[in-house]
């Protein structure tokens, strides 16, 4: 049996985060960031954050792979 997570309100605020491999994600603005992730400074609704990520994350290849090319 899987646990169900209650949906969060549509107006919740999120932040854009990035890890050491330059991979992006969204995170709840009211929660502590998980280890290994850094806030980029971009924030807004979930969709606004996803739109920002789409603009800035143009190469999905992890940084370590790009460096080894």
Protein backbone atom coordinates (compact mmCIF):
# COMPACT_ATOMS: atom_id res chain seq x y z
CA UNK A 1 0.00 0.00 0.00
CA UNK A 2 1.49 3.35 -1.01
CA UNK A 3 1.25 6.51 1.05
CA UNK A 4 -0.80 9.32 -0.38
CA UNK A 5 0.49 12.87 -0.23
CA UNK A 6 -2.12 15.57 0.10
CA UNK A 7 -1.92 18.09 -2.74
CA UNK A 8 -0.59 21.50 -1.80
CA UNK A 9 -2.52 24.67 -2.63
CA UNK A 10 -1.88 26.09 -6.11
CA UNK A 11 -0.63 29.38 -4.65
CA UNK A 12 2.23 27.80 -2.73
CA UNK A 13 5.64 29.35 -3.25
CA UNK A 14 8.64 27.40 -4.51
CA UNK A 15 12.32 28.06 -5.12
CA UNK A 16 14.53 26.85 -7.94
CA UNK A 17 17.43 24.75 -6.69
CA UNK A 18 20.54 23.36 -8.38
CA UNK A 19 22.96 20.60 -7.38
CA UNK A 20 26.70 20.12 -7.97
CA UNK A 21 25.95 18.45 -11.33
CA UNK A 22 24.08 21.61 -12.42
CA UNK A 23 20.75 19.77 -12.44
CA UNK A 24 17.73 21.90 -11.55
CA UNK A 25 14.60 21.23 -9.54
CA UNK A 26 11.86 23.03 -7.62
CA UNK A 27 11.56 22.93 -3.85
CA UNK A 28 9.00 24.23 -1.36
CA UNK A 29 9.99 27.74 -0.27
CA UNK A 30 8.89 27.05 3.31
CA UNK A 31 11.09 23.97 3.77
CA UNK A 32 14.78 23.54 4.47
CA UNK A 33 16.72 22.63 1.34
CA UNK A 34 17.86 19.03 1.08
CA UNK A 35 21.58 18.29 1.35
CA UNK A 36 23.46 18.93 -1.86
CA UNK A 37 21.05 21.51 -3.28
CA UNK A 38 21.50 25.30 -3.44
CA UNK A 39 18.85 27.94 -4.08
CA UNK A 40 19.44 29.88 -7.31
CA UNK A 41 17.48 32.94 -6.22
CA UNK A 42 14.53 32.29 -8.54
CA UNK A 43 11.21 31.78 -6.78
CA UNK A 44 7.48 31.87 -7.46
CA UNK A 45 4.66 29.46 -8.11
CA UNK A 46 5.56 25.94 -9.16
CA UNK A 47 4.80 26.77 -12.78
CA UNK A 48 6.85 29.98 -12.69
CA UNK A 49 9.80 28.00 -11.33
CA UNK A 50 9.38 25.30 -13.99
CA UNK A 51 9.26 28.00 -16.69
CA UNK A 52 12.48 29.51 -15.33
CA UNK A 53 14.19 26.11 -15.32
CA UNK A 54 13.14 25.54 -18.93
CA UNK A 55 14.87 28.81 -19.89
CA UNK A 56 18.14 28.26 -18.00
CA UNK A 57 18.67 24.49 -18.11
CA UNK A 58 19.44 24.12 -21.79
CA UNK A 59 21.82 21.14 -21.56
CA UNK A 60 20.47 18.30 -19.41
CA UNK A 61 23.83 16.51 -19.46
CA UNK A 62 25.30 16.38 -15.94
CA UNK A 63 28.30 18.64 -15.37
CA UNK A 64 30.69 15.72 -14.76
CA UNK A 65 29.80 14.19 -18.11
CA UNK A 66 30.21 17.51 -19.93
CA UNK A 67 33.62 18.00 -18.30
CA UNK A 68 34.82 14.57 -19.43
CA UNK A 69 34.05 15.19 -23.12
